[in-house]
N, C-alpha and C. Protein backbone atom coordinates (compact mmCIF):
# COMPACT_ATOMS: atom_id res chain seq x y z
N MET A 1 11.90 8.31 32.60
CA MET A 1 12.03 8.94 31.57
C MET A 1 11.02 9.92 31.43
N SER A 2 11.23 11.20 30.73
CA SER A 2 9.92 12.10 30.86
C SER A 2 9.00 11.77 29.34
N GLU A 3 8.16 12.37 29.31
CA GLU A 3 7.27 11.95 28.13
C GLU A 3 7.86 12.61 27.17
N GLN A 4 8.64 13.77 26.86
CA GLN A 4 9.35 14.18 25.61
C GLN A 4 10.33 13.22 25.44
N ASN A 5 11.03 12.37 26.40
CA ASN A 5 12.03 11.76 25.82
C ASN A 5 11.30 10.19 25.26
N HIS A 6 10.31 9.90 25.85
CA HIS A 6 9.33 8.95 25.30
C HIS A 6 9.00 9.60 23.70
N TYR A 7 8.64 10.22 23.42
CA TYR A 7 8.24 10.88 22.00
C TYR A 7 9.43 11.02 21.16
N ILE A 8 10.36 11.17 21.94
CA ILE A 8 11.75 11.46 20.80
C ILE A 8 11.92 10.10 20.53
N GLU A 9 12.19 9.26 21.40
CA GLU A 9 12.41 7.70 21.14
C GLU A 9 11.40 7.27 20.15
N MET A 10 10.16 7.43 20.20
CA MET A 10 9.20 7.03 19.16
C MET A 10 9.55 7.50 17.81
N MET A 11 9.98 8.63 17.65
CA MET A 11 10.38 9.08 16.54
C MET A 11 11.63 8.84 16.06
N LEU A 12 12.46 8.38 16.79
CA LEU A 12 13.86 7.53 16.48
C LEU A 12 13.08 6.11 15.76
N LYS A 13 12.41 5.64 16.63
CA LYS A 13 11.89 4.16 15.78
C LYS A 13 11.08 4.35 14.77
N SER A 14 10.38 5.32 14.61
CA SER A 14 9.84 5.73 13.34
C SER A 14 10.65 5.53 12.15
N LEU A 15 11.72 6.39 12.26
CA LEU A 15 12.44 6.71 11.05
C LEU A 15 13.46 5.31 11.25
N GLN A 16 13.51 4.43 11.80
CA GLN A 16 14.08 3.13 11.68
C GLN A 16 13.16 2.46 10.89
N LYS A 17 11.86 2.47 11.06
CA LYS A 17 10.78 1.82 10.45
C LYS A 17 10.94 2.31 9.14
N LYS A 18 10.56 3.55 9.09
CA LYS A 18 10.75 3.90 7.27
C LYS A 18 11.77 3.58 6.48
N LEU A 19 13.14 3.73 7.17
CA LEU A 19 14.29 3.09 6.53
C LEU A 19 14.13 1.74 6.06
N ALA A 20 13.57 0.85 6.57
CA ALA A 20 13.44 -0.42 6.54
C ALA A 20 12.23 -0.59 5.66
N ALA A 21 11.29 0.26 5.11
CA ALA A 21 10.26 0.01 4.48
C ALA A 21 10.62 0.59 3.01
N LEU A 22 11.83 1.61 3.24
CA LEU A 22 12.28 1.97 1.70
C LEU A 22 13.09 0.95 1.32
N GLN A 23 13.93 0.44 2.24
CA GLN A 23 14.61 -0.85 1.71
C GLN A 23 13.98 -1.95 0.91
N ILE A 24 12.88 -2.22 1.45
CA ILE A 24 12.06 -3.26 0.99
C ILE A 24 11.48 -2.45 -0.23
N ILE A 25 11.38 -1.49 -0.50
CA ILE A 25 10.65 -0.94 -1.88
C ILE A 25 11.93 -1.14 -2.51
N LEU A 26 12.95 -0.70 -2.38
CA LEU A 26 14.36 -0.88 -3.13
C LEU A 26 14.44 -1.82 -3.68
N ASP A 27 14.41 -2.94 -2.54
CA ASP A 27 14.72 -4.39 -3.27
C ASP A 27 13.52 -5.08 -3.94
N GLU A 28 12.33 -4.50 -3.98
CA GLU A 28 11.34 -4.70 -4.86
C GLU A 28 11.55 -4.38 -6.19
N CYS A 29 12.20 -2.93 -6.18
CA CYS A 29 12.66 -2.23 -7.32
C CYS A 29 13.09 -2.92 -8.18
N GLU A 30 14.48 -3.83 -7.37
CA GLU A 30 15.24 -4.56 -7.95
C GLU A 30 14.75 -5.50 -8.54
N LYS A 31 13.85 -6.34 -8.05
CA LYS A 31 13.21 -7.46 -8.38
C LYS A 31 12.39 -7.23 -9.95
N GLN A 32 11.90 -6.23 -9.59
CA GLN A 32 10.93 -5.78 -10.91
C GLN A 32 11.91 -5.29 -12.03
N ALA A 33 12.87 -4.71 -11.78
CA ALA A 33 14.01 -4.88 -12.82
C ALA A 33 14.44 -6.12 -13.47
N LYS A 34 14.98 -6.98 -12.55
CA LYS A 34 15.09 -8.33 -13.12
C LYS A 34 13.63 -9.09 -14.02
N ILE A 35 12.71 -8.73 -13.58
CA ILE A 35 11.40 -9.58 -14.21
C ILE A 35 11.37 -9.03 -15.49
N ILE A 36 11.50 -7.43 -15.54
CA ILE A 36 11.33 -6.80 -16.82
C ILE A 36 12.56 -7.38 -17.97
N GLU A 37 14.07 -7.27 -17.29
CA GLU A 37 14.87 -7.68 -18.04
C GLU A 37 14.87 -9.07 -19.24
N GLY A 38 14.03 -9.94 -18.52
CA GLY A 38 13.86 -11.36 -18.88
C GLY A 38 13.01 -10.76 -20.42
N HIS A 39 13.07 -12.09 -21.42
CA HIS A 39 12.67 -11.72 -22.71
C HIS A 39 11.19 -12.14 -22.72
N GLU A 40 10.63 -12.80 -21.67
CA GLU A 40 9.00 -12.57 -21.76
C GLU A 40 8.71 -12.18 -19.99
N ILE A 41 7.96 -11.38 -20.00
CA ILE A 41 7.64 -10.57 -18.59
C ILE A 41 6.76 -11.43 -17.74
N ASP A 42 7.36 -12.13 -16.74
CA ASP A 42 6.11 -12.63 -15.80
C ASP A 42 5.12 -11.68 -15.13
N TRP A 43 4.07 -11.55 -15.63
CA TRP A 43 3.25 -10.03 -14.97
C TRP A 43 2.88 -10.53 -13.95
N ASN A 44 2.62 -11.61 -13.62
CA ASN A 44 2.33 -12.09 -12.07
C ASN A 44 3.45 -11.93 -10.94
N GLN A 45 4.45 -12.10 -11.53
CA GLN A 45 5.44 -11.77 -10.46
C GLN A 45 5.67 -10.15 -10.25
N PHE A 46 5.66 -9.48 -11.34
CA PHE A 46 5.54 -8.08 -11.28
C PHE A 46 4.30 -7.74 -10.62
N ASP A 47 3.39 -7.78 -10.62
CA ASP A 47 1.93 -7.56 -10.13
C ASP A 47 2.28 -7.77 -8.39
N VAL A 48 2.83 -8.95 -7.87
CA VAL A 48 3.31 -9.65 -6.47
C VAL A 48 4.10 -8.25 -6.25
N CYS A 49 5.07 -7.83 -7.04
CA CYS A 49 6.29 -6.77 -6.63
C CYS A 49 5.64 -5.62 -6.20
N VAL A 50 4.69 -4.89 -7.07
CA VAL A 50 3.82 -3.77 -7.01
C VAL A 50 2.99 -3.87 -5.85
N ASN A 51 2.39 -4.78 -5.70
CA ASN A 51 1.18 -4.94 -4.43
C ASN A 51 2.52 -4.62 -3.31
N CYS A 52 3.35 -5.39 -2.91
CA CYS A 52 4.24 -5.41 -2.08
C CYS A 52 4.75 -4.08 -1.73
N LYS A 53 5.27 -3.20 -2.69
CA LYS A 53 5.68 -2.05 -2.74
C LYS A 53 4.42 -0.96 -2.25
N GLN A 54 3.13 -1.36 -2.67
CA GLN A 54 2.15 -0.43 -2.27
C GLN A 54 2.00 -0.59 -0.50
N GLU A 55 1.89 -1.91 -0.28
CA GLU A 55 1.85 -1.92 1.25
C GLU A 55 2.89 -1.38 2.08
N GLN A 56 3.98 -1.28 1.50
CA GLN A 56 5.10 -0.31 2.10
C GLN A 56 4.90 1.08 1.91
N ILE A 57 4.43 1.54 0.62
CA ILE A 57 3.90 3.11 0.62
C ILE A 57 2.82 3.18 1.58
N ASP A 58 1.92 2.56 2.12
CA ASP A 58 1.16 2.59 2.69
C ASP A 58 1.49 2.78 4.20
N GLU A 59 2.41 2.08 4.30
CA GLU A 59 3.22 2.07 6.13
C GLU A 59 3.80 3.31 5.73
N LEU A 60 4.56 3.64 4.96
CA LEU A 60 5.32 5.17 4.91
C LEU A 60 4.23 6.29 5.27
N THR A 61 3.23 6.18 4.54
CA THR A 61 2.32 6.89 4.77
C THR A 61 1.93 7.36 6.30
N LYS A 62 1.64 6.51 6.79
CA LYS A 62 1.46 6.16 8.05
C LYS A 62 2.66 6.66 8.81
N LEU A 63 3.78 6.10 8.94
CA LEU A 63 5.07 6.54 9.64
C LEU A 63 5.47 8.07 9.79
N ASP A 64 4.95 8.36 8.44
CA ASP A 64 4.95 9.86 8.24
C ASP A 64 4.19 10.75 8.88
N ASP A 65 2.79 10.41 8.70
CA ASP A 65 1.81 11.23 9.43
C ASP A 65 2.15 11.39 11.19
N GLY A 66 2.63 9.76 11.61
CA GLY A 66 2.97 9.77 13.20
C GLY A 66 4.02 10.44 13.61
N PHE A 67 4.93 10.28 12.54
CA PHE A 67 6.18 11.33 12.77
C PHE A 67 5.81 12.94 12.86
N ALA A 68 5.33 13.44 11.87
CA ALA A 68 4.68 14.50 11.98
C ALA A 68 3.90 14.93 13.26
N ASP A 69 3.28 14.06 13.62
CA ASP A 69 2.37 14.36 15.10
C ASP A 69 3.29 14.69 16.43
N LEU A 70 4.17 13.46 16.25
CA LEU A 70 5.04 13.73 17.10
C LEU A 70 6.44 14.65 17.02
N TYR A 71 6.56 15.07 16.49
CA TYR A 71 7.31 16.32 16.06
C TYR A 71 6.73 17.42 16.55
N ASP A 72 5.12 17.46 16.41
CA ASP A 72 4.34 19.00 16.78
C ASP A 72 4.58 18.93 18.13
N ARG A 73 4.56 17.82 18.90
CA ARG A 73 4.59 17.60 20.14
C ARG A 73 5.91 18.00 20.75
N VAL A 74 6.98 17.51 20.15
CA VAL A 74 8.29 17.89 20.99
C VAL A 74 9.22 18.93 20.05
N LYS A 75 8.30 19.27 19.22
CA LYS A 75 9.31 20.36 18.57
C LYS A 75 9.80 21.50 19.30
N SER A 76 8.74 22.23 20.09
CA SER A 76 9.22 23.51 21.21
C SER A 76 10.52 22.83 21.97
N GLU A 77 10.37 21.61 22.23
CA GLU A 77 11.18 21.27 23.47
C GLU A 77 12.77 20.71 22.84
N LEU A 78 12.40 20.53 21.59
CA LEU A 78 13.93 19.94 20.73
C LEU A 78 14.46 21.75 20.44
N GLN A 79 13.74 22.49 20.17
CA GLN A 79 14.47 23.62 19.86
C GLN A 79 14.91 24.54 20.77
N ASN A 80 14.43 24.36 22.02
CA ASN A 80 14.42 25.16 23.29
C ASN A 80 15.96 24.41 23.82
N HIS A 81 15.96 23.06 23.67
CA HIS A 81 16.67 22.21 24.73
C HIS A 81 17.78 21.52 23.61
N GLN A 82 18.17 21.95 22.84
CA GLN A 82 19.16 21.44 21.78
C GLN A 82 20.43 20.91 22.39
N THR A 83 21.15 21.41 23.12
CA THR A 83 22.36 20.68 23.77
C THR A 83 21.73 19.59 24.51
N LYS A 84 20.71 19.31 24.81
CA LYS A 84 20.15 18.51 25.80
C LYS A 84 20.24 17.23 24.59
N TYR A 85 19.45 17.40 23.82
CA TYR A 85 19.01 16.60 22.71
C TYR A 85 19.92 16.22 21.85
N HIS A 86 21.33 16.71 21.67
CA HIS A 86 22.14 16.94 20.61
C HIS A 86 22.11 15.55 19.73
N SER A 87 22.58 14.57 20.41
CA SER A 87 22.87 13.20 19.97
C SER A 87 21.67 12.57 19.20
N GLU A 88 20.42 12.94 20.05
CA GLU A 88 19.43 12.41 19.13
C GLU A 88 18.99 13.52 17.87
N ILE A 89 19.39 14.55 18.06
CA ILE A 89 18.97 15.41 16.86
C ILE A 89 19.91 15.04 15.56
N GLN A 90 20.95 14.60 16.14
CA GLN A 90 22.12 14.61 15.15
C GLN A 90 21.69 12.97 14.49
N THR A 91 21.36 11.90 15.39
CA THR A 91 20.89 10.90 14.99
C THR A 91 19.62 10.75 14.16
N MET A 92 18.78 11.81 14.53
CA MET A 92 17.36 11.97 13.26
C MET A 92 17.90 12.65 12.04
N GLN A 93 18.91 13.36 12.03
CA GLN A 93 19.47 14.16 10.79
C GLN A 93 20.20 13.13 9.81
N THR A 94 20.98 12.17 10.86
CA THR A 94 21.51 11.19 9.90
C THR A 94 20.30 10.55 9.18
N MET A 95 19.79 9.98 9.96
CA MET A 95 18.15 8.88 9.55
C MET A 95 17.75 9.62 8.52
N ILE A 96 17.19 10.88 8.62
CA ILE A 96 16.62 11.43 7.49
C ILE A 96 17.37 11.82 6.42
N LYS A 97 19.04 12.16 6.53
CA LYS A 97 19.62 12.21 5.00
C LYS A 97 19.69 10.64 4.37
N GLN A 98 19.42 9.51 5.21
CA GLN A 98 19.60 8.41 4.80
C GLN A 98 18.44 8.14 3.88
N ILE A 99 17.33 8.47 4.70
CA ILE A 99 15.82 8.32 3.96
C ILE A 99 15.77 8.96 2.59
N THR A 100 16.32 10.25 2.78
CA THR A 100 15.97 11.03 1.36
C THR A 100 16.86 10.40 0.30
N ASP A 101 18.58 9.92 0.74
CA ASP A 101 19.20 9.11 -0.52
C ASP A 101 18.60 7.95 -0.69
N MET A 102 17.61 7.34 0.15
CA MET A 102 17.36 5.97 -0.50
C MET A 102 16.11 6.55 -1.34
N SER A 103 15.45 7.55 -1.25
CA SER A 103 14.14 7.89 -1.78
C SER A 103 14.56 8.30 -3.20
N VAL A 104 15.81 8.97 -3.16
CA VAL A 104 15.94 9.35 -4.70
C VAL A 104 16.55 7.84 -5.38
N ARG A 105 17.29 7.17 -4.58
CA ARG A 105 17.33 5.69 -5.68
C ARG A 105 16.46 5.09 -5.80
N ILE A 106 15.32 5.16 -5.54
CA ILE A 106 13.92 4.74 -5.55
C ILE A 106 13.59 5.17 -6.71
N GLN A 107 13.40 6.24 -6.87
CA GLN A 107 12.94 7.27 -7.85
C GLN A 107 13.39 7.00 -9.13
N THR A 108 14.99 6.67 -8.88
CA THR A 108 15.64 6.36 -10.06
C THR A 108 15.25 5.45 -10.59
N GLU A 109 15.34 4.59 -9.88
CA GLU A 109 15.25 2.83 -10.31
C GLU A 109 13.54 2.74 -10.92
N GLU A 110 12.61 3.49 -10.15
CA GLU A 110 11.23 3.28 -10.62
C GLU A 110 11.13 3.86 -12.14
N GLU A 111 12.02 4.96 -12.30
CA GLU A 111 11.92 5.61 -13.78
C GLU A 111 12.43 4.88 -14.89
N ARG A 112 13.62 4.13 -14.30
CA ARG A 112 14.31 3.07 -15.27
C ARG A 112 13.07 1.85 -15.59
N ASN A 113 12.61 1.37 -14.55
CA ASN A 113 11.57 0.58 -14.46
C ASN A 113 10.48 0.46 -15.44
N ARG A 114 9.96 1.97 -15.10
CA ARG A 114 8.83 2.52 -15.69
C ARG A 114 9.30 2.72 -17.69
N LYS A 115 10.19 3.02 -17.83
CA LYS A 115 10.62 3.05 -19.36
C LYS A 115 10.96 1.59 -19.76
N ALA A 116 11.67 0.36 -19.03
CA ALA A 116 11.64 -0.50 -19.63
C ALA A 116 10.17 -1.27 -19.74
N VAL A 117 9.57 -1.21 -18.64
CA VAL A 117 8.01 -1.59 -19.07
C VAL A 117 7.47 -0.91 -20.20
N GLU A 118 7.52 0.11 -20.40
CA GLU A 118 6.93 0.88 -21.74
C GLU A 118 7.69 0.44 -22.96
N SER A 119 8.76 0.15 -23.09
CA SER A 119 9.77 -0.33 -24.18
C SER A 119 8.98 -2.06 -24.18
N GLY A 120 8.87 -2.76 -23.14
CA GLY A 120 8.20 -4.01 -23.36
C GLY A 120 6.82 -4.39 -23.80
N MET A 121 5.95 -2.90 -23.36
CA MET A 121 4.72 -3.36 -23.80
C MET A 121 4.87 -3.14 -25.47
N LEU A 122 5.68 -1.86 -26.03
CA LEU A 122 5.58 -1.74 -27.07
C LEU A 122 6.15 -2.91 -27.92
N GLN A 123 6.95 -3.77 -27.52
CA GLN A 123 7.37 -4.98 -28.44
C GLN A 123 6.26 -5.84 -28.37
N THR A 124 5.48 -5.89 -27.11
CA THR A 124 4.50 -6.76 -27.08
C THR A 124 3.00 -6.46 -27.93
N LYS A 125 3.12 -4.97 -28.18
CA LYS A 125 2.01 -4.51 -28.62
C LYS A 125 2.27 -4.88 -30.42
N GLN A 126 3.70 -4.63 -30.71
CA GLN A 126 4.37 -4.67 -32.35
C GLN A 126 4.01 -6.47 -32.43
N THR A 127 4.38 -7.25 -31.61
CA THR A 127 4.24 -8.96 -31.71
C THR A 127 2.85 -9.23 -32.01
N ILE A 128 1.95 -8.88 -31.16
CA ILE A 128 0.66 -8.85 -31.57
C ILE A 128 -0.13 -8.32 -32.70
N LYS A 129 0.31 -7.07 -33.10
CA LYS A 129 0.04 -6.43 -34.41
C LYS A 129 0.50 -7.10 -35.59
N ALA A 130 1.85 -7.97 -35.73
CA ALA A 130 2.42 -8.53 -36.41
C ALA A 130 1.58 -10.07 -36.54
N SER A 131 1.34 -10.62 -35.32
CA SER A 131 0.35 -11.73 -35.29
C SER A 131 -0.78 -11.60 -36.15
N LYS A 132 -1.25 -10.47 -35.77
CA LYS A 132 -2.67 -10.12 -36.48
C LYS A 132 -2.37 -10.28 -37.90
N ALA A 133 -1.52 -9.35 -38.58
CA ALA A 133 -1.36 -9.48 -39.47
C ALA A 133 -1.03 -10.53 -40.53
N SER A 134 -0.29 -11.62 -39.83
CA SER A 134 -0.07 -12.75 -40.34
C SER A 134 -1.29 -13.66 -40.53
N ILE A 135 -1.93 -13.49 -39.42
CA ILE A 135 -3.19 -14.38 -39.26
C ILE A 135 -4.11 -13.86 -40.27
N LYS A 136 -4.47 -12.67 -40.77
CA LYS A 136 -5.17 -11.98 -41.65
C LYS A 136 -4.66 -12.42 -42.62
N ALA A 137 -3.25 -12.44 -43.38
CA ALA A 137 -2.77 -12.68 -44.40
C ALA A 137 -3.44 -14.22 -44.91
N ALA A 138 -3.07 -15.17 -43.69
CA ALA A 138 -3.15 -16.48 -44.32
C ALA A 138 -4.63 -16.84 -44.24
N SER A 139 -5.31 -16.00 -43.65
CA SER A 139 -6.85 -15.97 -43.85
C SER A 139 -7.14 -15.92 -45.42
N ASP A 140 -7.00 -14.55 -45.78
CA ASP A 140 -7.14 -14.32 -46.74
C ASP A 140 -6.66 -15.14 -48.18
N TYR A 141 -5.38 -15.45 -47.82
CA TYR A 141 -4.91 -16.79 -48.74
C TYR A 141 -6.10 -17.94 -49.20
N TYR A 142 -6.15 -18.41 -47.83
CA TYR A 142 -7.35 -19.28 -48.11
C TYR A 142 -8.65 -19.20 -48.51
N LYS A 143 -8.93 -18.29 -48.31
CA LYS A 143 -10.22 -17.82 -49.19
C LYS A 143 -10.21 -17.78 -50.57
N VAL A 144 -8.80 -17.18 -50.82
CA VAL A 144 -8.35 -17.02 -52.07
C VAL A 144 -8.38 -18.38 -52.81
N MET A 145 -7.67 -19.14 -52.28
CA MET A 145 -7.31 -20.47 -53.01
C MET A 145 -8.43 -21.40 -53.08
N SER A 146 -9.59 -21.19 -51.88
CA SER A 146 -10.60 -22.08 -52.01
C SER A 146 -11.09 -22.05 -53.09
N LYS A 147 -11.46 -20.74 -53.70
CA LYS A 147 -12.10 -20.50 -54.80
C LYS A 147 -11.39 -20.77 -56.40
N VAL A 148 -10.19 -21.00 -56.12
CA VAL A 148 -9.55 -21.07 -57.53
C VAL A 148 -10.20 -22.74 -58.21
N ASN A 149 -10.24 -23.51 -57.46
CA ASN A 149 -11.19 -24.97 -58.27
C ASN A 149 -12.76 -24.76 -58.28
N TYR A 150 -13.07 -23.77 -57.78
CA TYR A 150 -14.42 -23.71 -57.86
C TYR A 150 -14.80 -23.11 -59.07
N VAL A 151 -16.02 -23.42 -59.68
CA VAL A 151 -16.17 -22.79 -61.13
C VAL A 151 -17.91 -22.66 -61.09
N ASP A 152 -18.17 -21.26 -61.03
CA ASP A 152 -19.16 -20.77 -60.83
C ASP A 152 -20.46 -21.57 -61.96
N PRO A 153 -21.40 -21.73 -61.28
CA PRO A 153 -22.64 -22.46 -62.29
C PRO A 153 -22.86 -21.69 -63.43
N GLN A 154 -22.83 -22.35 -64.49
CA GLN A 154 -23.05 -21.50 -65.95
C GLN A 154 -24.32 -22.13 -66.55
N PHE A 155 -25.36 -21.36 -66.99
CA PHE A 155 -26.02 -21.98 -68.19
C PHE A 155 -25.72 -21.92 -69.30
N VAL A 156 -25.70 -23.39 -69.97
CA VAL A 156 -25.55 -23.43 -71.16
C VAL A 156 -26.92 -23.43 -72.18
N ASP A 157 -27.10 -22.93 -73.14
CA ASP A 157 -28.14 -23.07 -73.84
C ASP A 157 -27.72 -23.86 -75.13
N ARG A 158 -28.59 -25.25 -75.29
CA ARG A 158 -28.17 -25.81 -76.50
C ARG A 158 -29.11 -25.95 -77.32
N LYS A 159 -29.80 -24.95 -77.54
CA LYS A 159 -30.78 -24.77 -78.80
C LYS A 159 -30.09 -24.16 -79.74
N LYS A 160 -30.41 -24.23 -80.99
CA LYS A 160 -30.10 -23.32 -81.59
C LYS A 160 -31.13 -22.84 -82.78
């Protein structure tokens, strides 16, 4: 097997790994959507999903860099001998299309999740604000009520 064939195999493996990483990210996005749908958001589980996605994004970055380096090495070979590498090129094109489609699905899911989180945070903020107002009203009430039975000291002059 020539060096060029080895690089092309590595490029195909890189694309397969990228598809797998994107699938994990998509699965985590769907998990986040389920977490967000609940009445009370479990922020710990949400953070676990975010961390898992970040790990996969880091892996994707490495894969992209490696793929670009490999492509630079075999670019001229692929362009000059398209018939020789027809099936490999076709496979790469198919995988790149799948990667693009999956990336669009992930972006859509992320946007949906972002809006749901913003909505959830707004509800939480309003609940906290209402709780603070309720606590303040109760506190003010008790302050007023504690003074109802209190009579200020008065000086009575008994001389005439």
